Amino acid sequence: MKRWILIALLAVVVAGTAFWGYQEHQEKNAILIQAENNYQRAFHNLAYHVDLLHDEIGTALAMNSDKRLSPQMVEIWRLTSEASSDVSQLPLALLPFNKTEEFLSQIGDFTYRTAVRNLDDSPLTDKETDTLQQLYKQSAEIEQELRKVQHIALEENLRWMDVQLALASDDDQGDNTVIDGLKTVEKTVKGFSETNVESSIIGTSAENHQYNYLKGSKEISENEALRISKDILKVKDPSKIKLSETGDGADVPLYTATYVSDDRRGYMDITKQGGNPITLLKSRPVGEKKISLNEGMENATKYIKQLGFKNMVLFQSSQYDNIGAFTYLYSQDGVRVYSDAIEVKVALDNGEILGLTAQNYMKNHRERSIPKPEISNSEAKEMVNPNVDIQEEFLAIIDNDLGEEILAYEFLGVYGDDTYRIFINALNGREEKVEKLGGSEINYAMN
């Protein structure tokens, strides 16, 4: 009797286990099918949006009315956003697709800047028309390559889950048609001449993407670069520093210094011309906070003065994991210049400088001819929403949506529970920008 009872119990357990396994298998399959459907939808949407993008750029070229061109540019900008969103939903984390994303971003930047411009007063230039023609040709090439991948994927019933598995395991990638096709798309985009797209899209700020401000006309030697690196990185043994040089074609010739010592690591870029530090990054365990954020700011201010940066004013400060982050702006005759910015990071356990970013300053800094405001401060305030409680005000030079530097009144104000930075053009009273400032995040784990 007991024997039959045990057999019955075992049968029930086996049946239950089998049912549980079957249910788990079904749920897993359902998840895989859902993921596959999402990948298929994203890819076919990408191909569709690139088709439309090519057509709409062609339509823009055929237009003869500036009034119709502006909404057409908005439509192209919308399609680039849709295509970028499609790319982000594909399983491409292990397959570099950054050139395609960059290309879409460049089209979006160009069309947005054109759309917000008054085309009646400032129609497309010959250079911008050439840029649009290049974008039209290049989008056609991407369209063709995506259609090839789409045709093969549909004809051979290829699955995107296989792409993801191949990327993750590095198996059979050479025979994976989808991966090969996407690599061809990326290679096609990479082959586009940057002079056809990037320099034209940047527009009025193109000249500010080179390093215009470099102190010193003399090129430093490797030994001098090693000495500067040793002093700034605070490395006692220079043999632990590895020095390398940028290759031909770099924006500016640099020495790059790196070092590793126990749990400390460092990285630094120095210009060959004049030995200017561009980037500094130190990595080490940061202990318990022992100095205040204000003391960290004093260390950061002292540091940038030692490096020779003058007339810098603190713009904002914040704290992350016992590290203080400070942003400084150049001030010319009391006017804050947003493009001439420097960022410094300070460890709040002992005040050590952990980071420096001076690219924006080096690219953009110069003495500017600043015009006098044509409207008064009080007139500018009248352009601000009366419900905003203005706390601080400044004069500043900012880049508008077209990449042009303009003089603006800057108002820091509170509306409701949020803080905003509002810029009013000091020459014509137009509201140029409104930025909501991020507040401290709520720690939900404490509630």
Protein backbone atom coordinates (compact mmCIF):
# COMPACT_ATOMS: atom_id res chain seq x y z
CA MET A 1 0.00 0.00 0.00
CA LYS A 2 2.73 2.43 0.99
CA ARG A 3 4.53 1.59 -2.19
CA TRP A 4 1.56 2.63 -4.33
CA ILE A 5 1.16 5.83 -2.34
CA LEU A 6 4.84 6.71 -2.95
CA ILE A 7 4.49 5.93 -6.65
CA ALA A 8 1.41 8.16 -6.84
CA LEU A 9 3.20 10.99 -5.03
CA LEU A 10 6.22 10.66 -7.33
CA ALA A 11 3.93 10.72 -10.35
CA VAL A 12 2.27 13.91 -9.07
CA VAL A 13 5.70 15.54 -8.47
CA VAL A 14 6.95 14.54 -11.93
CA ALA A 15 3.76 15.80 -13.56
CA GLY A 16 3.94 19.06 -11.58
CA THR A 17 7.60 19.56 -12.50
CA ALA A 18 6.86 18.87 -16.15
CA PHE A 19 3.94 21.32 -16.10
CA TRP A 20 6.08 23.97 -14.37
CA GLY A 21 8.86 23.43 -16.91
CA TYR A 22 6.40 23.65 -19.77
CA GLN A 23 4.91 26.86 -18.36
CA GLU A 24 8.38 28.37 -17.89
CA HIS A 25 9.25 27.40 -21.47
CA GLN A 26 6.06 29.01 -22.75
CA GLU A 27 6.69 32.22 -20.80
CA LYS A 28 10.30 32.35 -22.04
CA ASN A 29 9.12 31.86 -25.62
CA ALA A 30 6.53 34.60 -25.18
CA ILE A 31 9.23 37.02 -23.98
CA LEU A 32 11.52 36.06 -26.87
CA ILE A 33 8.70 36.53 -29.37
CA GLN A 34 7.86 39.93 -27.91
CA ALA A 35 11.53 41.02 -28.08
CA GLU A 36 11.80 39.72 -31.65
CA ASN A 37 8.66 41.62 -32.65
CA ASN A 38 10.02 44.82 -31.09
CA TYR A 39 13.33 44.45 -32.96
CA GLN A 40 11.54 43.73 -36.25
CA ARG A 41 9.28 46.75 -35.78
CA ALA A 42 12.22 49.05 -34.94
CA PHE A 43 14.25 47.97 -37.98
CA HIS A 44 11.40 48.23 -40.48
CA ASN A 45 10.47 51.61 -39.00
CA LEU A 46 14.10 52.70 -39.44
CA ALA A 47 14.08 51.70 -43.10
CA TYR A 48 10.73 53.44 -43.57
CA HIS A 49 11.85 56.67 -41.86
CA VAL A 50 15.10 56.80 -43.85
CA ASP A 51 13.05 56.36 -47.05
CA LEU A 52 10.86 59.30 -46.03
CA LEU A 53 13.90 61.30 -44.94
CA HIS A 54 15.48 60.97 -48.39
CA ASP A 55 12.21 61.96 -50.08
CA GLU A 56 11.64 64.97 -47.84
CA ILE A 57 15.19 66.29 -48.36
CA GLY A 58 14.59 66.01 -52.11
CA THR A 59 11.31 67.90 -51.70
CA ALA A 60 13.13 70.67 -49.82
CA LEU A 61 15.62 71.01 -52.68
CA ALA A 62 12.77 71.34 -55.17
CA MET A 63 11.00 74.09 -53.22
CA ASN A 64 11.14 77.69 -54.34
CA SER A 65 9.25 79.26 -51.43
CA ASP A 66 11.05 80.19 -48.24
CA LYS A 67 7.70 80.19 -46.40
CA ARG A 68 7.18 76.52 -47.25
CA LEU A 69 10.84 75.61 -46.68
CA SER A 70 10.76 76.29 -42.94
CA PRO A 71 7.99 73.74 -42.11
CA GLN A 72 9.69 71.31 -44.51
CA MET A 73 12.87 71.57 -42.46
CA VAL A 74 10.84 70.90 -39.31
CA GLU A 75 9.47 67.73 -40.95
CA ILE A 76 12.99 66.54 -41.85
CA TRP A 77 14.12 67.25 -38.27
CA ARG A 78 11.16 65.18 -36.97
CA LEU A 79 12.07 62.25 -39.21
CA THR A 80 15.72 62.26 -38.07
CA SER A 81 14.48 62.08 -34.47
CA GLU A 82 12.23 59.13 -35.37
CA ALA A 83 15.09 57.35 -37.17
CA SER A 84 17.46 57.94 -34.24
CA SER A 85 14.86 56.49 -31.88
CA ASP A 86 14.54 53.41 -34.14
CA VAL A 87 18.32 52.86 -34.08
CA SER A 88 18.37 53.04 -30.26
CA GLN A 89 15.82 50.20 -30.05
CA LEU A 90 17.89 47.71 -32.07
CA PRO A 91 20.19 45.16 -30.33
CA LEU A 92 23.31 47.03 -31.40
CA ALA A 93 25.02 47.63 -28.07
CA LEU A 94 27.92 45.40 -29.14
CA LEU A 95 27.95 46.58 -32.77
CA PRO A 96 29.20 50.16 -33.20
CA PHE A 97 26.57 52.16 -35.06
CA ASN A 98 27.70 55.57 -33.84
CA LYS A 99 28.52 57.01 -37.28
CA THR A 100 24.96 56.47 -38.47
CA GLU A 101 23.57 58.03 -35.29
CA GLU A 102 26.00 60.93 -35.69
CA PHE A 103 24.93 61.43 -39.30
CA LEU A 104 21.25 61.54 -38.30
CA SER A 105 22.11 63.98 -35.52
CA GLN A 106 23.94 66.23 -37.98
CA ILE A 107 20.93 66.32 -40.32
CA GLY A 108 18.73 67.16 -37.34
CA ASP A 109 21.02 69.99 -36.20
CA PHE A 110 21.21 71.49 -39.69
CA THR A 111 17.47 71.38 -40.37
CA TYR A 112 16.55 72.64 -36.88
CA ARG A 113 18.84 75.65 -37.16
CA THR A 114 17.41 76.42 -40.57
CA ALA A 115 13.81 75.99 -39.42
CA VAL A 116 14.09 78.43 -36.50
CA ARG A 117 15.71 81.07 -38.70
CA ASN A 118 13.70 83.77 -40.45
CA LEU A 119 14.25 82.57 -44.01
CA ASP A 120 12.64 85.71 -45.45
CA ASP A 121 15.42 87.83 -44.00
CA SER A 122 18.13 85.20 -44.21
CA PRO A 123 17.47 82.64 -46.99
CA LEU A 124 19.58 79.53 -47.59
CA THR A 125 23.10 80.33 -48.69
CA ASP A 126 24.79 78.57 -51.61
CA LYS A 127 26.90 76.64 -49.10
CA GLU A 128 23.80 75.47 -47.20
CA THR A 129 22.14 74.41 -50.46
CA ASP A 130 25.26 72.38 -51.31
CA THR A 131 25.05 70.79 -47.85
CA LEU A 132 21.41 69.86 -48.46
CA GLN A 133 22.34 68.29 -51.80
CA GLN A 134 25.09 66.23 -50.14
CA LEU A 135 22.66 65.08 -47.45
CA TYR A 136 20.21 64.07 -50.18
CA LYS A 137 22.81 61.91 -51.95
CA GLN A 138 24.12 60.38 -48.73
CA SER A 139 20.67 59.55 -47.35
CA ALA A 140 19.99 57.75 -50.66
CA GLU A 141 23.03 55.51 -50.09
CA ILE A 142 21.90 54.66 -46.56
CA GLU A 143 18.40 53.99 -47.88
CA GLN A 144 19.71 51.52 -50.47
CA GLU A 145 21.86 49.62 -47.96
CA LEU A 146 19.02 49.36 -45.46
CA ARG A 147 16.69 48.10 -48.18
CA LYS A 148 19.20 45.38 -49.06
CA VAL A 149 19.31 44.21 -45.44
CA GLN A 150 15.51 44.41 -45.22
CA HIS A 151 15.02 42.38 -48.42
CA ILE A 152 17.38 39.60 -47.33
CA ALA A 153 15.96 39.51 -43.79
CA LEU A 154 12.41 39.11 -45.12
CA GLU A 155 13.32 36.64 -47.88
CA GLU A 156 15.37 34.36 -45.61
CA ASN A 157 13.16 34.90 -42.55
CA LEU A 158 16.14 36.03 -40.44
CA ARG A 159 15.60 36.77 -36.76
CA TRP A 160 16.97 39.71 -34.80
CA MET A 161 17.34 37.51 -31.71
CA ASP A 162 19.98 35.60 -33.68
CA VAL A 163 21.76 38.91 -34.27
CA GLN A 164 21.75 39.65 -30.56
CA LEU A 165 23.02 36.16 -29.69
CA ALA A 166 25.74 36.39 -32.35
CA LEU A 167 26.86 39.78 -31.04
CA ALA A 168 26.88 38.59 -27.43
CA SER A 169 28.69 35.30 -28.11
CA ASP A 170 30.88 36.52 -30.99
CA ASP A 171 29.88 33.34 -32.85
CA ASP A 172 29.39 33.14 -36.62
CA GLN A 173 29.42 36.87 -37.02
CA GLY A 174 31.16 36.49 -40.31
CA ASP A 175 28.15 34.57 -41.73
CA ASN A 176 25.42 36.72 -40.19
CA THR A 177 23.75 38.57 -43.06
CA VAL A 178 22.09 41.19 -40.87
CA ILE A 179 25.33 42.05 -39.05
CA ASP A 180 27.23 42.21 -42.34
CA GLY A 181 24.56 44.45 -43.82
CA LEU A 182 24.56 46.84 -40.87
CA LYS A 183 28.35 46.99 -40.93
CA THR A 184 28.07 48.00 -44.58
CA VAL A 185 25.59 50.76 -43.64
CA GLU A 186 28.00 52.03 -40.98
CA LYS A 187 30.95 51.82 -43.38
CA THR A 188 28.98 53.76 -45.99
CA VAL A 189 28.21 56.56 -43.53
CA LYS A 190 31.81 56.62 -42.31
CA GLY A 191 32.93 57.16 -45.90
CA PHE A 192 30.99 60.40 -46.21
CA SER A 193 33.36 63.36 -46.30
CA GLU A 194 33.13 65.40 -43.11
CA THR A 195 33.68 68.52 -45.20
CA ASN A 196 30.38 67.81 -46.95
CA VAL A 197 28.39 67.61 -43.75
CA GLU A 198 29.95 68.49 -40.47
CA SER A 199 31.66 71.77 -41.24
CA SER A 200 28.62 73.12 -43.09
CA ILE A 201 26.16 72.09 -40.42
CA ILE A 202 28.10 73.82 -37.69
CA GLY A 203 27.45 77.05 -39.56
CA THR A 204 28.43 80.25 -37.83
CA SER A 205 30.21 78.47 -34.98
CA ALA A 206 32.46 76.32 -37.20
CA GLU A 207 35.52 78.40 -36.45
CA ASN A 208 34.99 77.84 -32.75
CA HIS A 209 35.54 74.09 -33.10
CA GLN A 210 39.29 74.51 -33.40
CA TYR A 211 41.64 75.34 -30.55
CA ASN A 212 41.93 79.09 -31.09
CA TYR A 213 43.42 80.01 -27.73
CA LEU A 214 46.77 78.45 -26.92
CA LYS A 215 49.21 80.29 -24.70
CA GLY A 216 52.78 80.25 -25.91
CA SER A 217 54.05 79.99 -29.46
CA LYS A 218 56.87 77.53 -28.79
CA GLU A 219 56.41 73.77 -29.08
CA ILE A 220 57.37 71.88 -25.95
CA SER A 221 59.56 68.78 -26.07
CA GLU A 222 58.70 65.33 -24.70
CA ASN A 223 60.87 66.01 -21.65
CA GLU A 224 58.99 69.23 -20.96
CA ALA A 225 55.67 67.46 -21.40
CA LEU A 226 56.83 64.77 -18.97
CA ARG A 227 57.81 67.40 -16.41
CA ILE A 228 54.46 69.21 -16.72
CA SER A 229 52.60 65.89 -16.40
CA LYS A 230 54.62 64.89 -13.34
CA ASP A 231 53.87 68.19 -11.61
CA ILE A 232 50.17 68.33 -12.41
CA LEU A 233 49.44 64.64 -11.88
CA LYS A 234 51.50 64.72 -8.65
CA VAL A 235 53.51 61.63 -9.60
CA LYS A 236 56.82 61.25 -7.77
CA ASP A 237 58.28 58.61 -10.08
CA PRO A 238 58.20 59.89 -13.70
CA SER A 239 59.03 56.40 -15.02
CA LYS A 240 55.42 55.42 -14.27
CA ILE A 241 54.13 58.01 -16.74
CA LYS A 242 53.57 56.87 -20.33
CA LEU A 243 53.69 59.62 -22.91
CA SER A 244 52.20 59.43 -26.42
CA GLU A 245 51.52 61.90 -29.23
CA THR A 246 48.47 62.50 -31.40
CA GLY A 247 48.78 61.49 -35.01
CA ASP A 248 48.45 63.55 -38.16
CA GLY A 249 45.08 65.20 -38.74
CA ALA A 250 44.31 65.96 -35.06
CA ASP A 251 42.58 69.27 -34.29
CA VAL A 252 45.65 70.26 -32.32
CA PRO A 253 48.91 68.34 -31.67
CA LEU A 254 48.82 66.91 -28.15
CA TYR A 255 50.87 64.89 -25.72
CA THR A 256 48.83 62.37 -23.76
CA ALA A 257 50.17 61.27 -20.38
CA THR A 258 48.84 58.23 -18.51
CA TYR A 259 49.94 56.48 -15.34
CA VAL A 260 48.82 53.60 -13.13
CA SER A 261 50.06 53.14 -9.58
CA ASP A 262 48.31 50.74 -7.21
CA ASP A 263 44.72 52.01 -6.94
CA ARG A 264 45.46 55.36 -8.55
CA ARG A 265 45.15 56.15 -12.25
CA GLY A 266 45.67 59.34 -14.19
CA TYR A 267 45.14 60.73 -17.66
CA MET A 268 46.13 64.09 -19.10
CA ASP A 269 46.19 65.90 -22.47
CA ILE A 270 48.72 68.71 -23.00
CA THR A 271 49.05 70.84 -26.13
CA LYS A 272 52.40 70.72 -27.86
CA GLN A 273 52.10 74.42 -28.49
CA GLY A 274 52.77 76.11 -25.17
CA GLY A 275 52.17 73.06 -22.98
CA ASN A 276 48.57 73.98 -22.09
CA PRO A 277 46.63 71.38 -20.06
CA ILE A 278 43.39 70.54 -21.87
CA THR A 279 42.06 67.54 -19.96
CA LEU A 280 42.95 66.04 -16.61
CA LEU A 281 41.39 63.01 -14.98
CA LYS A 282 42.49 61.22 -11.82
CA SER A 283 40.82 58.10 -10.52
CA ARG A 284 41.19 56.83 -6.96
CA PRO A 285 38.96 55.74 -4.07
CA VAL A 286 37.50 58.88 -2.47
CA GLY A 287 37.06 58.61 1.28
CA GLU A 288 34.62 60.19 3.70
CA LYS A 289 33.90 63.88 3.19
CA LYS A 290 36.15 66.05 5.37
CA ILE A 291 36.01 69.43 3.66
CA SER A 292 32.96 71.46 2.65
CA LEU A 293 31.84 72.14 -0.91
CA ASN A 294 32.85 75.77 -0.38
CA GLU A 295 36.38 74.74 0.63
CA GLY A 296 36.52 72.53 -2.45
CA MET A 297 35.51 75.54 -4.55
CA GLU A 298 38.36 77.57 -3.03
CA ASN A 299 40.80 74.82 -4.04
CA ALA A 300 39.37 74.75 -7.58
CA THR A 301 39.59 78.55 -7.91
CA LYS A 302 43.18 78.56 -6.71
CA TYR A 303 44.04 75.74 -9.12
CA ILE A 304 42.77 77.43 -12.29
CA LYS A 305 44.58 80.63 -11.29
CA GLN A 306 47.81 78.64 -10.95
CA LEU A 307 47.24 77.31 -14.48
CA GLY A 308 47.04 80.88 -15.77
CA PHE A 309 43.29 81.20 -16.40
CA LYS A 310 42.30 84.77 -15.52
CA ASN A 311 38.98 86.56 -14.93
CA MET A 312 37.07 83.34 -14.32
CA VAL A 313 33.89 83.46 -12.21
CA LEU A 314 32.11 80.55 -10.57
CA PHE A 315 29.00 79.62 -12.53
CA GLN A 316 27.71 76.58 -10.67
CA SER A 317 28.77 73.93 -8.19
CA SER A 318 27.43 70.51 -7.24
CA GLN A 319 28.43 67.44 -5.27
CA TYR A 320 28.43 63.78 -6.37
CA ASP A 321 29.69 60.97 -4.12
CA ASN A 322 32.02 63.20 -2.07
CA ILE A 323 33.36 64.89 -5.20
CA GLY A 324 32.76 68.57 -5.88
CA ALA A 325 32.15 69.65 -9.48
CA PHE A 326 32.66 73.33 -10.34
CA THR A 327 32.04 75.21 -13.59
CA TYR A 328 33.70 78.57 -14.28
CA LEU A 329 32.91 81.10 -17.00
CA TYR A 330 35.18 83.78 -18.41
CA SER A 331 34.09 87.31 -17.49
CA GLN A 332 34.95 90.22 -19.80
CA ASP A 333 34.07 93.65 -18.37
CA GLY A 334 31.46 92.02 -16.13
CA VAL A 335 29.83 90.04 -18.98
CA ARG A 336 29.81 86.27 -18.51
CA VAL A 337 30.84 84.35 -21.63
CA TYR A 338 29.18 80.93 -21.68
CA SER A 339 31.32 79.36 -24.41
CA ASP A 340 34.57 80.09 -22.49
CA ALA A 341 33.95 77.51 -19.76
CA ILE A 342 36.22 75.42 -17.55
CA GLU A 343 35.17 72.52 -15.32
CA VAL A 344 37.08 71.31 -12.27
CA LYS A 345 36.48 68.32 -9.98
CA VAL A 346 37.75 68.22 -6.39
CA ALA A 347 37.88 65.32 -3.92
CA LEU A 348 36.12 66.38 -0.72
CA ASP A 349 38.12 63.98 1.47
CA ASN A 350 41.38 65.92 1.13
CA GLY A 351 40.80 68.69 -1.44
CA GLU A 352 42.82 67.06 -4.25
CA ILE A 353 42.09 68.14 -7.82
CA LEU A 354 40.67 65.10 -9.65
CA GLY A 355 39.59 66.58 -12.95
CA LEU A 356 39.92 69.47 -15.37
CA THR A 357 38.14 70.10 -18.68
CA ALA A 358 39.25 73.19 -20.59
CA GLN A 359 38.40 72.31 -24.21
CA ASN A 360 35.58 74.82 -24.52
CA TYR A 361 37.78 77.63 -23.20
CA MET A 362 40.67 76.72 -25.50
CA LYS A 363 38.41 76.47 -28.53
CA ASN A 364 36.43 79.65 -28.03
CA HIS A 365 38.34 82.13 -25.88
CA ARG A 366 39.21 85.51 -27.30
CA GLU A 367 38.75 89.14 -26.37
CA ARG A 368 35.39 90.13 -27.85
CA SER A 369 34.00 93.44 -29.01
CA ILE A 370 30.90 93.49 -26.81
CA PRO A 371 28.13 95.83 -27.99
CA LYS A 372 26.22 98.06 -25.60
CA PRO A 373 22.70 96.85 -24.75
CA GLU A 374 19.99 98.60 -26.75
CA ILE A 375 17.33 97.92 -24.13
CA SER A 376 17.64 98.54 -20.40
CA ASN A 377 17.66 95.97 -17.65
CA SER A 378 14.16 97.01 -16.55
CA GLU A 379 12.87 96.74 -20.13
CA ALA A 380 14.32 93.23 -20.38
CA LYS A 381 12.61 92.26 -17.12
CA GLU A 382 9.27 93.21 -18.64
CA MET A 383 9.83 90.48 -21.23
CA VAL A 384 10.02 87.86 -18.44
CA ASN A 385 6.86 86.10 -17.27
CA PRO A 386 5.58 88.28 -14.39
CA ASN A 387 4.92 85.15 -12.32
CA VAL A 388 8.66 84.41 -12.19
CA ASP A 389 10.32 85.70 -9.02
CA ILE A 390 13.71 86.97 -10.24
CA GLN A 391 16.52 86.24 -7.78
CA GLU A 392 19.68 87.14 -9.73
CA GLU A 393 20.55 88.92 -12.96
CA PHE A 394 23.62 89.17 -15.18
CA LEU A 395 24.78 90.25 -18.60
CA ALA A 396 26.01 87.30 -20.64
CA ILE A 397 27.15 86.23 -24.08
CA ILE A 398 25.42 83.02 -25.15
CA ASP A 399 24.99 81.01 -28.36
CA ASN A 400 21.50 81.20 -29.83
CA ASP A 401 19.80 78.36 -31.72
CA LEU A 402 21.68 79.32 -34.88
CA GLY A 403 25.05 79.02 -33.14
CA GLU A 404 25.56 82.80 -33.15
CA GLU A 405 26.98 84.61 -30.13
CA ILE A 406 24.56 87.22 -28.79
CA LEU A 407 24.49 89.60 -25.83
CA ALA A 408 21.65 88.78 -23.43
CA TYR A 409 20.28 89.67 -20.03
CA GLU A 410 20.33 86.55 -17.89
CA PHE A 411 17.70 86.24 -15.16
CA LEU A 412 17.70 83.48 -12.55
CA GLY A 413 14.18 83.15 -11.20
CA VAL A 414 11.73 80.90 -9.36
CA TYR A 415 8.33 79.88 -10.65
CA GLY A 416 6.37 77.62 -8.32
CA ASP A 417 8.79 75.07 -6.91
CA ASP A 418 11.21 75.22 -9.84
CA THR A 419 14.13 77.46 -10.77
CA TYR A 420 14.67 78.77 -14.29
CA ARG A 421 17.39 80.59 -16.19
CA ILE A 422 15.90 83.02 -18.70
CA PHE A 423 17.83 84.85 -21.44
CA ILE A 424 16.48 88.03 -23.04
CA ASN A 425 18.30 89.43 -26.08
CA ALA A 426 19.87 92.73 -24.97
CA LEU A 427 19.62 94.21 -28.46
CA ASN A 428 16.02 93.48 -29.45
CA GLY A 429 14.27 92.19 -26.30
CA ARG A 430 13.50 88.77 -27.75
CA GLU A 431 13.28 85.80 -25.37
CA GLU A 432 16.19 83.63 -26.54
CA LYS A 433 16.20 80.70 -24.14
CA VAL A 434 14.48 79.39 -21.02
CA GLU A 435 16.21 76.62 -19.09
CA LYS A 436 14.81 74.71 -16.14
CA LEU A 437 17.53 74.02 -13.60
CA GLY A 438 17.73 70.53 -12.12
CA GLY A 439 17.01 70.27 -8.42
CA SER A 440 18.09 67.63 -5.93
CA GLU A 441 16.57 64.23 -6.59
CA ILE A 442 14.24 62.62 -4.10
CA ASN A 443 15.71 59.62 -2.32
CA TYR A 444 12.73 57.26 -2.50
CA ALA A 445 14.56 54.62 -0.47
CA MET A 446 14.27 56.90 2.57
CA ASN A 447 10.47 57.20 2.33
